[in-house]
Structure formats: structure tokens, C-alpha cells
Amino acid sequence: MTGYTRDDVEGRTSLEIEIWADPATRERVVAALQAHVVVRNMEMRFRRENGDVGIGLISGRLIDVNGEPCFLSITRDITDRQFTR
């Protein structure tokens, strides 16, 4: 979906790979997680490895991995749906 390889992303944050096309969306996700621990079907614009921008629906929750808080998420690419309306 994004064109990034495992080597591109492993050990790096979403900020480091600059996947958020709109940083304000990341802030909305963070705020929702802080308030509710879970995010469901939040629309976001994401940047692919080649620089193109897509639109996705992100759902996820905060989890604990060896004492470190992590965001486990699934994003569905809805780019085609958005541009065919």
C-alpha cells in the first residue's frame, strides 16, 4: 500500500519516515488515543514511499510491548473511493 519495505520502516517511527501527509492528522490520532485508547476509521492522508499521497481509514489501539507503549494499527487504502465520487 505504501511502497515501504520492512527495512525502510523497522525501528523507525511514523514521524521519521514522514508517512503523515498532514501532521495535524497525526495530532488528532494521538489526542484520540490519549482520550479513548482506541481509534476507529479515522480518515487520514498518508505519503507513499514514492512521494504520492493516498487516503486511508486508520483504526488501532494502544498496546504494551515489553513495557513500551505502542500503537497497533490497520489502515485501509480508500484513495480510489475518494477520487471517484
N, C-alpha and C. Protein backbone atom coordinates (compact mmCIF):
# COMPACT_ATOMS: atom_id res chain seq x y z
N MET A 1 0.82 -1.20 0.00
CA MET A 1 0.00 0.00 0.00
C MET A 1 0.86 1.26 0.00
N THR A 2 1.95 1.25 0.75
CA THR A 2 2.77 2.45 0.86
C THR A 2 4.05 2.39 0.04
N GLY A 3 4.47 1.19 -0.31
CA GLY A 3 5.71 1.04 -1.05
C GLY A 3 6.96 0.94 -0.18
N TYR A 4 6.79 1.11 1.13
CA TYR A 4 7.94 0.98 2.04
C TYR A 4 8.24 -0.50 2.27
N THR A 5 9.51 -0.84 2.37
CA THR A 5 9.91 -2.20 2.70
C THR A 5 10.05 -2.31 4.21
N ARG A 6 10.16 -3.53 4.67
CA ARG A 6 10.38 -3.75 6.11
C ARG A 6 11.64 -3.04 6.57
N ASP A 7 12.69 -3.11 5.77
CA ASP A 7 13.94 -2.42 6.13
C ASP A 7 13.77 -0.91 6.21
N ASP A 8 12.87 -0.36 5.38
CA ASP A 8 12.61 1.08 5.40
C ASP A 8 12.01 1.53 6.72
N VAL A 9 11.17 0.68 7.33
CA VAL A 9 10.39 1.13 8.48
C VAL A 9 10.80 0.51 9.81
N GLU A 10 11.44 -0.63 9.80
CA GLU A 10 11.76 -1.32 11.05
C GLU A 10 12.66 -0.45 11.93
N GLY A 11 12.20 -0.25 13.17
CA GLY A 11 12.96 0.54 14.13
C GLY A 11 12.81 2.05 13.98
N ARG A 12 11.92 2.48 13.08
CA ARG A 12 11.71 3.91 12.85
C ARG A 12 10.27 4.27 13.17
N THR A 13 10.05 5.50 13.56
CA THR A 13 8.70 5.96 13.85
C THR A 13 8.03 6.49 12.58
N SER A 14 6.71 6.68 12.68
CA SER A 14 5.98 7.24 11.54
C SER A 14 6.45 8.65 11.23
N LEU A 15 6.89 9.37 12.24
CA LEU A 15 7.44 10.71 12.00
C LEU A 15 8.77 10.63 11.25
N GLU A 16 9.58 9.66 11.59
CA GLU A 16 10.88 9.52 10.93
C GLU A 16 10.74 9.16 9.46
N ILE A 17 9.74 8.34 9.12
CA ILE A 17 9.56 8.00 7.70
C ILE A 17 8.64 8.99 6.99
N GLU A 18 8.10 9.94 7.75
CA GLU A 18 7.26 11.01 7.20
C GLU A 18 6.06 10.47 6.44
N ILE A 19 5.38 9.49 7.05
CA ILE A 19 4.21 8.90 6.39
C ILE A 19 2.97 9.78 6.49
N TRP A 20 2.93 10.68 7.50
CA TRP A 20 1.77 11.55 7.67
C TRP A 20 1.85 12.70 6.68
N ALA A 21 0.97 12.71 5.67
CA ALA A 21 0.95 13.80 4.69
C ALA A 21 0.47 15.09 5.34
N ASP A 22 -0.34 14.97 6.38
CA ASP A 22 -0.85 16.12 7.11
C ASP A 22 -0.55 15.91 8.60
N PRO A 23 0.49 16.57 9.13
CA PRO A 23 0.86 16.36 10.53
C PRO A 23 -0.28 16.62 11.52
N ALA A 24 -1.24 17.46 11.17
CA ALA A 24 -2.37 17.72 12.06
C ALA A 24 -3.20 16.45 12.27
N THR A 25 -3.25 15.58 11.27
CA THR A 25 -3.99 14.33 11.41
C THR A 25 -3.33 13.45 12.46
N ARG A 26 -2.01 13.40 12.47
CA ARG A 26 -1.31 12.63 13.48
C ARG A 26 -1.67 13.14 14.87
N GLU A 27 -1.74 14.45 15.01
CA GLU A 27 -2.09 15.03 16.31
C GLU A 27 -3.50 14.63 16.73
N ARG A 28 -4.42 14.56 15.77
CA ARG A 28 -5.79 14.10 16.07
C ARG A 28 -5.80 12.65 16.52
N VAL A 29 -4.99 11.82 15.86
CA VAL A 29 -4.90 10.41 16.24
C VAL A 29 -4.34 10.29 17.65
N VAL A 30 -3.27 11.02 17.93
CA VAL A 30 -2.66 10.99 19.27
C VAL A 30 -3.66 11.44 20.33
N ALA A 31 -4.38 12.52 20.07
CA ALA A 31 -5.37 13.02 21.02
C ALA A 31 -6.47 11.99 21.26
N ALA A 32 -6.94 11.35 20.19
CA ALA A 32 -7.98 10.33 20.34
C ALA A 32 -7.47 9.14 21.14
N LEU A 33 -6.23 8.74 20.91
CA LEU A 33 -5.65 7.63 21.66
C LEU A 33 -5.51 7.98 23.14
N GLN A 34 -5.08 9.20 23.41
CA GLN A 34 -4.94 9.62 24.80
C GLN A 34 -6.29 9.64 25.51
N ALA A 35 -7.32 10.01 24.81
CA ALA A 35 -8.66 10.11 25.42
C ALA A 35 -9.37 8.76 25.50
N HIS A 36 -9.18 7.90 24.48
CA HIS A 36 -10.01 6.70 24.38
C HIS A 36 -9.23 5.40 24.23
N VAL A 37 -7.91 5.46 24.05
CA VAL A 37 -7.03 4.31 23.87
C VAL A 37 -7.24 3.61 22.52
N VAL A 38 -8.26 4.00 21.80
CA VAL A 38 -8.58 3.34 20.53
C VAL A 38 -9.01 4.39 19.50
N VAL A 39 -8.73 4.10 18.24
CA VAL A 39 -9.16 4.95 17.12
C VAL A 39 -9.85 4.03 16.12
N ARG A 40 -11.00 4.47 15.61
CA ARG A 40 -11.73 3.65 14.64
C ARG A 40 -12.08 4.47 13.41
N ASN A 41 -11.62 3.98 12.27
CA ASN A 41 -11.99 4.55 10.96
C ASN A 41 -11.79 6.05 10.87
N MET A 42 -10.63 6.51 11.28
CA MET A 42 -10.30 7.93 11.15
C MET A 42 -9.64 8.13 9.78
N GLU A 43 -10.18 9.06 9.02
CA GLU A 43 -9.63 9.32 7.69
C GLU A 43 -8.30 10.06 7.82
N MET A 44 -7.34 9.65 7.01
CA MET A 44 -6.02 10.28 7.04
C MET A 44 -5.43 10.31 5.63
N ARG A 45 -4.57 11.27 5.43
CA ARG A 45 -3.78 11.32 4.19
C ARG A 45 -2.39 10.80 4.54
N PHE A 46 -1.90 9.84 3.75
CA PHE A 46 -0.59 9.25 4.02
C PHE A 46 0.31 9.40 2.80
N ARG A 47 1.59 9.46 3.07
CA ARG A 47 2.59 9.62 2.00
C ARG A 47 3.20 8.26 1.69
N ARG A 48 3.16 7.91 0.43
CA ARG A 48 3.81 6.67 -0.02
C ARG A 48 5.31 6.90 -0.18
N GLU A 49 6.03 5.81 -0.29
CA GLU A 49 7.50 5.89 -0.42
C GLU A 49 7.92 6.71 -1.63
N ASN A 50 7.14 6.68 -2.70
CA ASN A 50 7.49 7.43 -3.91
C ASN A 50 7.05 8.89 -3.86
N GLY A 51 6.43 9.31 -2.72
CA GLY A 51 6.02 10.70 -2.56
C GLY A 51 4.55 10.95 -2.86
N ASP A 52 3.89 10.01 -3.54
CA ASP A 52 2.46 10.17 -3.80
C ASP A 52 1.68 10.17 -2.49
N VAL A 53 0.53 10.81 -2.50
CA VAL A 53 -0.31 10.87 -1.30
C VAL A 53 -1.57 10.05 -1.54
N GLY A 54 -1.91 9.22 -0.55
CA GLY A 54 -3.13 8.42 -0.60
C GLY A 54 -4.03 8.79 0.57
N ILE A 55 -5.23 8.24 0.54
CA ILE A 55 -6.19 8.47 1.62
C ILE A 55 -6.52 7.13 2.24
N GLY A 56 -6.48 7.08 3.56
CA GLY A 56 -6.74 5.83 4.25
C GLY A 56 -7.69 6.00 5.42
N LEU A 57 -8.24 4.88 5.87
CA LEU A 57 -9.02 4.83 7.11
C LEU A 57 -8.17 4.07 8.10
N ILE A 58 -7.80 4.71 9.20
CA ILE A 58 -6.93 4.10 10.19
C ILE A 58 -7.74 3.72 11.42
N SER A 59 -7.50 2.50 11.90
CA SER A 59 -8.08 2.01 13.14
C SER A 59 -6.96 1.38 13.93
N GLY A 60 -6.99 1.56 15.24
CA GLY A 60 -5.94 0.96 16.05
C GLY A 60 -6.14 1.24 17.52
N ARG A 61 -5.20 0.72 18.30
CA ARG A 61 -5.26 0.91 19.74
C ARG A 61 -3.86 0.91 20.32
N LEU A 62 -3.76 1.48 21.51
CA LEU A 62 -2.50 1.44 22.23
C LEU A 62 -2.33 0.06 22.85
N ILE A 63 -1.13 -0.48 22.75
CA ILE A 63 -0.81 -1.75 23.39
C ILE A 63 0.52 -1.59 24.11
N ASP A 64 0.81 -2.51 24.99
CA ASP A 64 2.07 -2.51 25.73
C ASP A 64 2.94 -3.63 25.18
N VAL A 65 4.15 -3.29 24.75
CA VAL A 65 5.10 -4.29 24.27
C VAL A 65 6.35 -4.18 25.13
N ASN A 66 6.51 -5.15 26.02
CA ASN A 66 7.66 -5.16 26.93
C ASN A 66 7.82 -3.85 27.68
N GLY A 67 6.70 -3.32 28.17
CA GLY A 67 6.74 -2.09 28.95
C GLY A 67 6.78 -0.81 28.15
N GLU A 68 6.76 -0.92 26.84
CA GLU A 68 6.80 0.27 25.98
C GLU A 68 5.45 0.43 25.28
N PRO A 69 4.81 1.62 25.39
CA PRO A 69 3.53 1.80 24.70
C PRO A 69 3.75 1.86 23.19
N CYS A 70 2.90 1.13 22.47
CA CYS A 70 2.99 1.08 21.01
C CYS A 70 1.58 1.23 20.43
N PHE A 71 1.52 1.72 19.21
CA PHE A 71 0.25 1.88 18.50
C PHE A 71 0.16 0.78 17.46
N LEU A 72 -0.77 -0.14 17.66
CA LEU A 72 -1.02 -1.21 16.72
C LEU A 72 -2.19 -0.76 15.84
N SER A 73 -1.96 -0.69 14.54
CA SER A 73 -3.00 -0.13 13.67
C SER A 73 -3.13 -0.89 12.37
N ILE A 74 -4.28 -0.69 11.76
CA ILE A 74 -4.56 -1.18 10.41
C ILE A 74 -5.08 0.02 9.64
N THR A 75 -4.56 0.20 8.44
CA THR A 75 -5.03 1.28 7.58
C THR A 75 -5.53 0.68 6.27
N ARG A 76 -6.74 1.05 5.91
CA ARG A 76 -7.31 0.63 4.63
C ARG A 76 -7.17 1.77 3.63
N ASP A 77 -6.65 1.45 2.47
CA ASP A 77 -6.47 2.45 1.42
C ASP A 77 -7.81 2.69 0.74
N ILE A 78 -8.31 3.92 0.87
CA ILE A 78 -9.59 4.28 0.23
C ILE A 78 -9.38 5.37 -0.82
N THR A 79 -8.17 5.50 -1.28
CA THR A 79 -7.84 6.55 -2.25
C THR A 79 -8.76 6.51 -3.46
N ASP A 80 -8.96 5.32 -4.05
CA ASP A 80 -9.81 5.21 -5.23
C ASP A 80 -11.25 5.61 -4.95
N ARG A 81 -11.75 5.26 -3.78
CA ARG A 81 -13.12 5.64 -3.42
C ARG A 81 -13.27 7.15 -3.31
N GLN A 82 -12.27 7.79 -2.76
CA GLN A 82 -12.34 9.24 -2.55
C GLN A 82 -12.31 10.01 -3.87
N PHE A 83 -11.54 9.53 -4.83
CA PHE A 83 -11.39 10.27 -6.07
C PHE A 83 -12.40 9.90 -7.14
N THR A 84 -13.23 8.90 -6.86
CA THR A 84 -14.24 8.52 -7.86
C THR A 84 -15.62 9.03 -7.50
N ARG A 85 -15.73 9.78 -6.42
CA ARG A 85 -17.04 10.30 -6.02
C ARG A 85 -17.50 11.41 -6.91
